[in-house]
Amino acid sequence: MVTEPVPEKQEVTSCMLSSCGQFVVYGCCDGLVKVFEVESKSTSVIIRLGGPVHYLQVCCSNGFTVIAAAKNNNLKVSVLLQQL
């Protein structure tokens, strides 16, 4: 079983596993989108939205792209060209 070293304190509202299986991306009720790297077991905040995360989409084909939307219609895209 793969888990974070420290449990998440905020309610998780959306979650996705990357197609490459190396990352778990999840959004919280406080508007933060975080990525958990399975191999290193490290977690990073990659997006800050203005409300609870409602939608996530992850793509690993050319770098690492995350699309996130909040319930208040705020939409953000994060593109990382290198792995975390």
PDB file of N, CA and C in Angstrom:
ATOM      1  N   MET A   1       0.840  -1.170   0.000  1.00  0.00           N
ATOM      2  CA  MET A   1       0.000   0.000   0.000  1.00  0.00           C
ATOM      3  C   MET A   1       0.891   1.240   0.000  1.00  0.00           C
ATOM      4  N   VAL A   2       0.544   2.211  -0.827  1.00  0.00           N
ATOM      5  CA  VAL A   2       1.299   3.455  -0.922  1.00  0.00           C
ATOM      6  C   VAL A   2       0.524   4.536  -0.182  1.00  0.00           C
ATOM      7  N   THR A   3       1.186   5.191   0.768  1.00  0.00           N
ATOM      8  CA  THR A   3       0.521   6.264   1.501  1.00  0.00           C
ATOM      9  C   THR A   3       1.472   7.421   1.702  1.00  0.00           C
ATOM     10  N   GLU A   4       0.907   8.572   2.023  1.00  0.00           N
ATOM     11  CA  GLU A   4       1.715   9.734   2.337  1.00  0.00           C
ATOM     12  C   GLU A   4       2.375   9.538   3.692  1.00  0.00           C
ATOM     13  N   PRO A   5       3.550  10.161   3.911  1.00  0.00           N
ATOM     14  CA  PRO A   5       4.178  10.086   5.221  1.00  0.00           C
ATOM     15  C   PRO A   5       3.342  10.786   6.302  1.00  0.00           C
ATOM     16  N   VAL A   6       2.642  11.866   5.918  1.00  0.00           N
ATOM     17  CA  VAL A   6       1.782  12.597   6.848  1.00  0.00           C
ATOM     18  C   VAL A   6       0.370  12.601   6.261  1.00  0.00           C
ATOM     19  N   PRO A   7      -0.633  12.159   7.013  1.00  0.00           N
ATOM     20  CA  PRO A   7      -1.996  12.131   6.483  1.00  0.00           C
ATOM     21  C   PRO A   7      -2.490  13.540   6.114  1.00  0.00           C
ATOM     22  N   GLU A   8      -3.325  13.636   5.070  1.00  0.00           N
ATOM     23  CA  GLU A   8      -3.898  14.906   4.625  1.00  0.00           C
ATOM     24  C   GLU A   8      -4.897  15.405   5.667  1.00  0.00           C
ATOM     25  N   LYS A   9      -4.785  16.683   6.037  1.00  0.00           N
ATOM     26  CA  LYS A   9      -5.675  17.256   7.046  1.00  0.00           C
ATOM     27  C   LYS A   9      -6.961  17.795   6.442  1.00  0.00           C
ATOM     28  N   GLN A  10      -6.921  18.181   5.168  1.00  0.00           N
ATOM     29  CA  GLN A  10      -8.099  18.717   4.489  1.00  0.00           C
ATOM     30  C   GLN A  10      -8.873  17.574   3.819  1.00  0.00           C
ATOM     31  N   GLU A  11     -10.168  17.788   3.629  1.00  0.00           N
ATOM     32  CA  GLU A  11     -10.990  16.816   2.925  1.00  0.00           C
ATOM     33  C   GLU A  11     -10.573  16.761   1.462  1.00  0.00           C
ATOM     34  N   VAL A  12     -10.316  15.562   0.964  1.00  0.00           N
ATOM     35  CA  VAL A  12      -9.957  15.367  -0.438  1.00  0.00           C
ATOM     36  C   VAL A  12     -11.254  15.303  -1.237  1.00  0.00           C
ATOM     37  N   THR A  13     -11.372  16.170  -2.273  1.00  0.00           N
ATOM     38  CA  THR A  13     -12.604  16.257  -3.039  1.00  0.00           C
ATOM     39  C   THR A  13     -12.493  15.653  -4.435  1.00  0.00           C
ATOM     40  N   SER A  14     -11.272  15.440  -4.915  1.00  0.00           N
ATOM     41  CA  SER A  14     -11.059  14.867  -6.241  1.00  0.00           C
ATOM     42  C   SER A  14      -9.682  14.205  -6.263  1.00  0.00           C
ATOM     43  N   CYS A  15      -9.568  13.089  -7.007  1.00  0.00           N
ATOM     44  CA  CYS A  15      -8.304  12.354  -7.014  1.00  0.00           C
ATOM     45  C   CYS A  15      -8.136  11.631  -8.352  1.00  0.00           C
ATOM     46  N   MET A  16      -6.885  11.600  -8.843  1.00  0.00           N
ATOM     47  CA  MET A  16      -6.568  10.875 -10.080  1.00  0.00           C
ATOM     48  C   MET A  16      -5.186  10.250  -9.988  1.00  0.00           C
ATOM     49  N   LEU A  17      -5.036   9.085 -10.562  1.00  0.00           N
ATOM     50  CA  LEU A  17      -3.744   8.439 -10.722  1.00  0.00           C
ATOM     51  C   LEU A  17      -3.261   8.750 -12.128  1.00  0.00           C
ATOM     52  N   SER A  18      -2.011   9.174 -12.257  1.00  0.00           N
ATOM     53  CA  SER A  18      -1.470   9.475 -13.589  1.00  0.00           C
ATOM     54  C   SER A  18      -1.398   8.201 -14.419  1.00  0.00           C
ATOM     55  N   SER A  19      -1.462   8.349 -15.744  1.00  0.00           N
ATOM     56  CA  SER A  19      -1.436   7.188 -16.636  1.00  0.00           C
ATOM     57  C   SER A  19      -0.124   6.417 -16.539  1.00  0.00           C
ATOM     58  N   CYS A  20       0.954   7.116 -16.165  1.00  0.00           N
ATOM     59  CA  CYS A  20       2.247   6.450 -16.018  1.00  0.00           C
ATOM     60  C   CYS A  20       2.365   5.727 -14.674  1.00  0.00           C
ATOM     61  N   GLY A  21       1.414   5.968 -13.761  1.00  0.00           N
ATOM     62  CA  GLY A  21       1.409   5.294 -12.466  1.00  0.00           C
ATOM     63  C   GLY A  21       2.394   5.848 -11.461  1.00  0.00           C
ATOM     64  N   GLN A  22       3.057   6.950 -11.786  1.00  0.00           N
ATOM     65  CA  GLN A  22       4.072   7.497 -10.883  1.00  0.00           C
ATOM     66  C   GLN A  22       3.541   8.571  -9.942  1.00  0.00           C
ATOM     67  N   PHE A  23       2.358   9.120 -10.239  1.00  0.00           N
ATOM     68  CA  PHE A  23       1.844  10.248  -9.470  1.00  0.00           C
ATOM     69  C   PHE A  23       0.378  10.065  -9.108  1.00  0.00           C
ATOM     70  N   VAL A  24       0.021  10.502  -7.915  1.00  0.00           N
ATOM     71  CA  VAL A  24      -1.369  10.623  -7.509  1.00  0.00           C
ATOM     72  C   VAL A  24      -1.616  12.118  -7.343  1.00  0.00           C
ATOM     73  N   VAL A  25      -2.569  12.643  -8.105  1.00  0.00           N
ATOM     74  CA  VAL A  25      -2.906  14.063  -8.029  1.00  0.00           C
ATOM     75  C   VAL A  25      -4.254  14.160  -7.332  1.00  0.00           C
ATOM     76  N   TYR A  26      -4.340  15.039  -6.337  1.00  0.00           N
ATOM     77  CA  TYR A  26      -5.608  15.174  -5.624  1.00  0.00           C
ATOM     78  C   TYR A  26      -5.878  16.627  -5.259  1.00  0.00           C
ATOM     79  N   GLY A  27      -7.158  16.947  -5.204  1.00  0.00           N
ATOM     80  CA  GLY A  27      -7.597  18.286  -4.850  1.00  0.00           C
ATOM     81  C   GLY A  27      -8.329  18.260  -3.528  1.00  0.00           C
ATOM     82  N   CYS A  28      -8.205  19.346  -2.803  1.00  0.00           N
ATOM     83  CA  CYS A  28      -8.787  19.425  -1.461  1.00  0.00           C
ATOM     84  C   CYS A  28      -9.876  20.497  -1.383  1.00  0.00           C
ATOM     85  N   CYS A  29     -10.635  20.467  -0.302  1.00  0.00           N
ATOM     86  CA  CYS A  29     -11.718  21.417  -0.116  1.00  0.00           C
ATOM     87  C   CYS A  29     -11.209  22.842   0.075  1.00  0.00           C
ATOM     88  N   ASP A  30      -9.936  23.022   0.408  1.00  0.00           N
ATOM     89  CA  ASP A  30      -9.373  24.365   0.572  1.00  0.00           C
ATOM     90  C   ASP A  30      -8.853  24.945  -0.747  1.00  0.00           C
ATOM     91  N   GLY A  31      -9.022  24.230  -1.871  1.00  0.00           N
ATOM     92  CA  GLY A  31      -8.628  24.721  -3.179  1.00  0.00           C
ATOM     93  C   GLY A  31      -7.221  24.347  -3.616  1.00  0.00           C
ATOM     94  N   LEU A  32      -6.495  23.613  -2.799  1.00  0.00           N
ATOM     95  CA  LEU A  32      -5.140  23.203  -3.163  1.00  0.00           C
ATOM     96  C   LEU A  32      -5.178  21.916  -3.985  1.00  0.00           C
ATOM     97  N   VAL A  33      -4.350  21.884  -5.030  1.00  0.00           N
ATOM     98  CA  VAL A  33      -4.145  20.661  -5.806  1.00  0.00           C
ATOM     99  C   VAL A  33      -2.727  20.201  -5.500  1.00  0.00           C
ATOM    100  N   LYS A  34      -2.610  18.959  -5.067  1.00  0.00           N
ATOM    101  CA  LYS A  34      -1.317  18.418  -4.661  1.00  0.00           C
ATOM    102  C   LYS A  34      -0.985  17.201  -5.499  1.00  0.00           C
ATOM    103  N   VAL A  35       0.309  16.963  -5.644  1.00  0.00           N
ATOM    104  CA  VAL A  35       0.762  15.774  -6.354  1.00  0.00           C
ATOM    105  C   VAL A  35       1.654  14.970  -5.406  1.00  0.00           C
ATOM    106  N   PHE A  36       1.345  13.693  -5.308  1.00  0.00           N
ATOM    107  CA  PHE A  36       2.105  12.754  -4.494  1.00  0.00           C
ATOM    108  C   PHE A  36       2.918  11.895  -5.445  1.00  0.00           C
ATOM    109  N   GLU A  37       4.242  11.935  -5.317  1.00  0.00           N
ATOM    110  CA  GLU A  37       5.119  11.116  -6.156  1.00  0.00           C
ATOM    111  C   GLU A  37       5.323   9.777  -5.464  1.00  0.00           C
ATOM    112  N   VAL A  38       4.897   8.708  -6.123  1.00  0.00           N
ATOM    113  CA  VAL A  38       4.887   7.377  -5.531  1.00  0.00           C
ATOM    114  C   VAL A  38       6.293   6.918  -5.139  1.00  0.00           C
ATOM    115  N   GLU A  39       7.258   7.086  -6.029  1.00  0.00           N
ATOM    116  CA  GLU A  39       8.608   6.574  -5.771  1.00  0.00           C
ATOM    117  C   GLU A  39       9.276   7.253  -4.574  1.00  0.00           C
ATOM    118  N   SER A  40       9.239   8.585  -4.546  1.00  0.00           N
ATOM    119  CA  SER A  40       9.927   9.312  -3.468  1.00  0.00           C
ATOM    120  C   SER A  40       9.036   9.544  -2.249  1.00  0.00           C
ATOM    121  N   LYS A  41       7.736   9.291  -2.397  1.00  0.00           N
ATOM    122  CA  LYS A  41       6.746   9.539  -1.340  1.00  0.00           C
ATOM    123  C   LYS A  41       6.739  10.996  -0.888  1.00  0.00           C
ATOM    124  N   SER A  42       6.980  11.913  -1.847  1.00  0.00           N
ATOM    125  CA  SER A  42       6.953  13.339  -1.529  1.00  0.00           C
ATOM    126  C   SER A  42       5.673  13.962  -2.101  1.00  0.00           C
ATOM    127  N   THR A  43       5.201  15.007  -1.435  1.00  0.00           N
ATOM    128  CA  THR A  43       3.985  15.706  -1.839  1.00  0.00           C
ATOM    129  C   THR A  43       4.301  17.172  -2.081  1.00  0.00           C
ATOM    130  N   SER A  44       3.757  17.741  -3.173  1.00  0.00           N
ATOM    131  CA  SER A  44       3.955  19.143  -3.501  1.00  0.00           C
ATOM    132  C   SER A  44       2.622  19.774  -3.880  1.00  0.00           C
ATOM    133  N   VAL A  45       2.448  21.049  -3.521  1.00  0.00           N
ATOM    134  CA  VAL A  45       1.298  21.817  -3.973  1.00  0.00           C
ATOM    135  C   VAL A  45       1.646  22.346  -5.357  1.00  0.00           C
ATOM    136  N   ILE A  46       0.774  22.099  -6.358  1.00  0.00           N
ATOM    137  CA  ILE A  46       1.069  22.562  -7.713  1.00  0.00           C
ATOM    138  C   ILE A  46       0.073  23.608  -8.216  1.00  0.00           C
ATOM    139  N   ILE A  47      -1.119  23.669  -7.639  1.00  0.00           N
ATOM    140  CA  ILE A  47      -2.136  24.636  -8.052  1.00  0.00           C
ATOM    141  C   ILE A  47      -2.895  25.105  -6.813  1.00  0.00           C
ATOM    142  N   ARG A  48      -3.256  26.406  -6.818  1.00  0.00           N
ATOM    143  CA  ARG A  48      -4.123  26.966  -5.774  1.00  0.00           C
ATOM    144  C   ARG A  48      -5.355  27.544  -6.452  1.00  0.00           C
ATOM    145  N   LEU A  49      -6.519  26.991  -6.122  1.00  0.00           N
ATOM    146  CA  LEU A  49      -7.782  27.468  -6.671  1.00  0.00           C
ATOM    147  C   LEU A  49      -8.526  28.255  -5.596  1.00  0.00           C
ATOM    148  N   GLY A  50      -9.549  28.989  -6.002  1.00  0.00           N
ATOM    149  CA  GLY A  50     -10.297  29.816  -5.069  1.00  0.00           C
ATOM    150  C   GLY A  50     -11.428  29.103  -4.352  1.00  0.00           C
ATOM    151  N   GLY A  51     -11.593  27.820  -4.564  1.00  0.00           N
ATOM    152  CA  GLY A  51     -12.657  27.061  -3.909  1.00  0.00           C
ATOM    153  C   GLY A  51     -12.354  25.581  -3.966  1.00  0.00           C
ATOM    154  N   PRO A  52     -13.232  24.760  -3.412  1.00  0.00           N
ATOM    155  CA  PRO A  52     -13.011  23.313  -3.401  1.00  0.00           C
ATOM    156  C   PRO A  52     -12.781  22.757  -4.812  1.00  0.00           C
ATOM    157  N   VAL A  53     -11.828  21.855  -4.943  1.00  0.00           N
ATOM    158  CA  VAL A  53     -11.492  21.263  -6.244  1.00  0.00           C
ATOM    159  C   VAL A  53     -12.600  20.293  -6.643  1.00  0.00           C
ATOM    160  N   HIS A  54     -13.105  20.501  -7.861  1.00  0.00           N
ATOM    161  CA  HIS A  54     -14.239  19.727  -8.359  1.00  0.00           C
ATOM    162  C   HIS A  54     -13.833  18.769  -9.483  1.00  0.00           C
ATOM    163  N   TYR A  55     -12.799  19.137 -10.252  1.00  0.00           N
ATOM    164  CA  TYR A  55     -12.423  18.365 -11.438  1.00  0.00           C
ATOM    165  C   TYR A  55     -10.907  18.331 -11.569  1.00  0.00           C
ATOM    166  N   LEU A  56     -10.359  17.173 -11.939  1.00  0.00           N
ATOM    167  CA  LEU A  56      -8.936  17.005 -12.234  1.00  0.00           C
ATOM    168  C   LEU A  56      -8.769  16.181 -13.497  1.00  0.00           C
ATOM    169  N   GLN A  57      -7.781  16.557 -14.297  1.00  0.00           N
ATOM    170  CA  GLN A  57      -7.373  15.745 -15.445  1.00  0.00           C
ATOM    171  C   GLN A  57      -5.849  15.758 -15.476  1.00  0.00           C
ATOM    172  N   VAL A  58      -5.231  14.610 -15.691  1.00  0.00           N
ATOM    173  CA  VAL A  58      -3.777  14.482 -15.657  1.00  0.00           C
ATOM    174  C   VAL A  58      -3.296  13.836 -16.949  1.00  0.00           C
ATOM    175  N   CYS A  59      -2.197  14.367 -17.494  1.00  0.00           N
ATOM    176  CA  CYS A  59      -1.584  13.798 -18.701  1.00  0.00           C
ATOM    177  C   CYS A  59      -0.074  13.741 -18.501  1.00  0.00           C
ATOM    178  N   CYS A  60       0.535  12.620 -18.824  1.00  0.00           N
ATOM    179  CA  CYS A  60       1.980  12.444 -18.650  1.00  0.00           C
ATOM    180  C   CYS A  60       2.718  12.266 -19.974  1.00  0.00           C
ATOM    181  N   SER A  61       2.084  12.511 -21.110  1.00  0.00           N
ATOM    182  CA  SER A  61       2.715  12.189 -22.390  1.00  0.00           C
ATOM    183  C   SER A  61       3.926  13.065 -22.709  1.00  0.00           C
ATOM    184  N   ASN A  62       3.827  14.372 -22.608  1.00  0.00           N
ATOM    185  CA  ASN A  62       4.949  15.280 -22.872  1.00  0.00           C
ATOM    186  C   ASN A  62       5.144  16.158 -21.654  1.00  0.00           C
ATOM    187  N   GLY A  63       5.866  15.672 -20.678  1.00  0.00           N
ATOM    188  CA  GLY A  63       5.969  16.378 -19.403  1.00  0.00           C
ATOM    189  C   GLY A  63       4.837  15.926 -18.503  1.00  0.00           C
ATOM    190  N   PHE A  64       4.345  16.828 -17.690  1.00  0.00           N
ATOM    191  CA  PHE A  64       3.310  16.496 -16.715  1.00  0.00           C
ATOM    192  C   PHE A  64       2.325  17.657 -16.697  1.00  0.00           C
ATOM    193  N   THR A  65       1.105  17.431 -17.161  1.00  0.00           N
ATOM    194  CA  THR A  65       0.096  18.476 -17.250  1.00  0.00           C
ATOM    195  C   THR A  65      -1.083  18.126 -16.355  1.00  0.00           C
ATOM    196  N   VAL A  66      -1.534  19.110 -15.566  1.00  0.00           N
ATOM    197  CA  VAL A  66      -2.699  18.932 -14.703  1.00  0.00           C
ATOM    198  C   VAL A  66      -3.682  20.055 -14.995  1.00  0.00           C
ATOM    199  N   ILE A  67      -4.932  19.708 -15.242  1.00  0.00           N
ATOM    200  CA  ILE A  67      -6.016  20.674 -15.381  1.00  0.00           C
ATOM    201  C   ILE A  67      -6.904  20.507 -14.165  1.00  0.00           C
ATOM    202  N   ALA A  68      -7.201  21.622 -13.499  1.00  0.00           N
ATOM    203  CA  ALA A  68      -8.026  21.568 -12.298  1.00  0.00           C
ATOM    204  C   ALA A  68      -9.085  22.654 -12.342  1.00  0.00           C
ATOM    205  N   ALA A  69     -10.265  22.346 -11.826  1.00  0.00           N
ATOM    206  CA  ALA A  69     -11.349  23.314 -11.754  1.00  0.00           C
ATOM    207  C   ALA A  69     -11.969  23.268 -10.371  1.00  0.00           C
ATOM    208  N   ALA A  70     -12.360  24.456  -9.905  1.00  0.00           N
ATOM    209  CA  ALA A  70     -13.027  24.562  -8.610  1.00  0.00           C
ATOM    210  C   ALA A  70     -14.533  24.637  -8.821  1.00  0.00           C
ATOM    211  N   LYS A  71     -15.284  24.420  -7.757  1.00  0.00           N
ATOM    212  CA  LYS A  71     -16.741  24.488  -7.842  1.00  0.00           C
ATOM    213  C   LYS A  71     -17.225  25.890  -8.179  1.00  0.00           C
ATOM    214  N   ASN A  72     -16.382  26.910  -7.976  1.00  0.00           N
ATOM    215  CA  ASN A  72     -16.759  28.293  -8.299  1.00  0.00           C
ATOM    216  C   ASN A  72     -16.386  28.666  -9.736  1.00  0.00           C
ATOM    217  N   ASN A  73     -16.144  27.665 -10.598  1.00  0.00           N
ATOM    218  CA  ASN A  73     -15.814  27.831 -12.025  1.00  0.00           C
ATOM    219  C   ASN A  73     -14.409  28.357 -12.282  1.00  0.00           C
ATOM    220  N   ASN A  74     -13.549  28.415 -11.304  1.00  0.00           N
ATOM    221  CA  ASN A  74     -12.150  28.790 -11.482  1.00  0.00           C
ATOM    222  C   ASN A  74     -11.427  27.604 -12.130  1.00  0.00           C
ATOM    223  N   LEU A  75     -10.671  27.860 -13.207  1.00  0.00           N
ATOM    224  CA  LEU A  75      -9.969  26.800 -13.937  1.00  0.00           C
ATOM    225  C   LEU A  75      -8.501  27.170 -14.067  1.00  0.00           C
ATOM    226  N   LYS A  76      -7.610  26.213 -13.798  1.00  0.00           N
ATOM    227  CA  LYS A  76      -6.172  26.456 -13.937  1.00  0.00           C
ATOM    228  C   LYS A  76      -5.514  25.241 -14.554  1.00  0.00           C
ATOM    229  N   VAL A  77      -4.416  25.511 -15.275  1.00  0.00           N
ATOM    230  CA  VAL A  77      -3.628  24.455 -15.904  1.00  0.00           C
ATOM    231  C   VAL A  77      -2.199  24.582 -15.414  1.00  0.00           C
ATOM    232  N   SER A  78      -1.606  23.489 -15.008  1.00  0.00           N
ATOM    233  CA  SER A  78      -0.208  23.455 -14.581  1.00  0.00           C
ATOM    234  C   SER A  78       0.543  22.532 -15.533  1.00  0.00           C
ATOM    235  N   VAL A  79       1.597  23.053 -16.160  1.00  0.00           N
ATOM    236  CA  VAL A  79       2.406  22.253 -17.081  1.00  0.00           C
ATOM    237  C   VAL A  79       3.825  22.219 -16.544  1.00  0.00           C
ATOM    238  N   LEU A  80       4.293  21.039 -16.215  1.00  0.00           N
ATOM    239  CA  LEU A  80       5.667  20.846 -15.745  1.00  0.00           C
ATOM    240  C   LEU A  80       6.383  20.042 -16.805  1.00  0.00           C
ATOM    241  N   LEU A  81       7.461  20.565 -17.343  1.00  0.00           N
ATOM    242  CA  LEU A  81       8.168  19.873 -18.420  1.00  0.00           C
ATOM    243  C   LEU A  81       9.067  18.768 -17.911  1.00  0.00           C
ATOM    244  N   GLN A  82       9.424  18.835 -16.626  1.00  0.00           N
ATOM    245  CA  GLN A  82      10.254  17.795 -16.030  1.00  0.00           C
ATOM    246  C   GLN A  82       9.433  17.115 -14.950  1.00  0.00           C
ATOM    247  N   GLN A  83       9.820  15.888 -14.637  1.00  0.00           N
ATOM    248  CA  GLN A  83       9.165  15.211 -13.533  1.00  0.00           C
ATOM    249  C   GLN A  83       9.508  15.916 -12.246  1.00  0.00           C
ATOM    250  N   LEU A  84       8.619  15.785 -11.265  1.00  0.00           N
ATOM    251  CA  LEU A  84       8.798  16.456  -9.976  1.00  0.00           C
ATOM    252  C   LEU A  84       9.979  15.894  -9.217  1.00  0.00           C
TER     253      LEU A  84
END
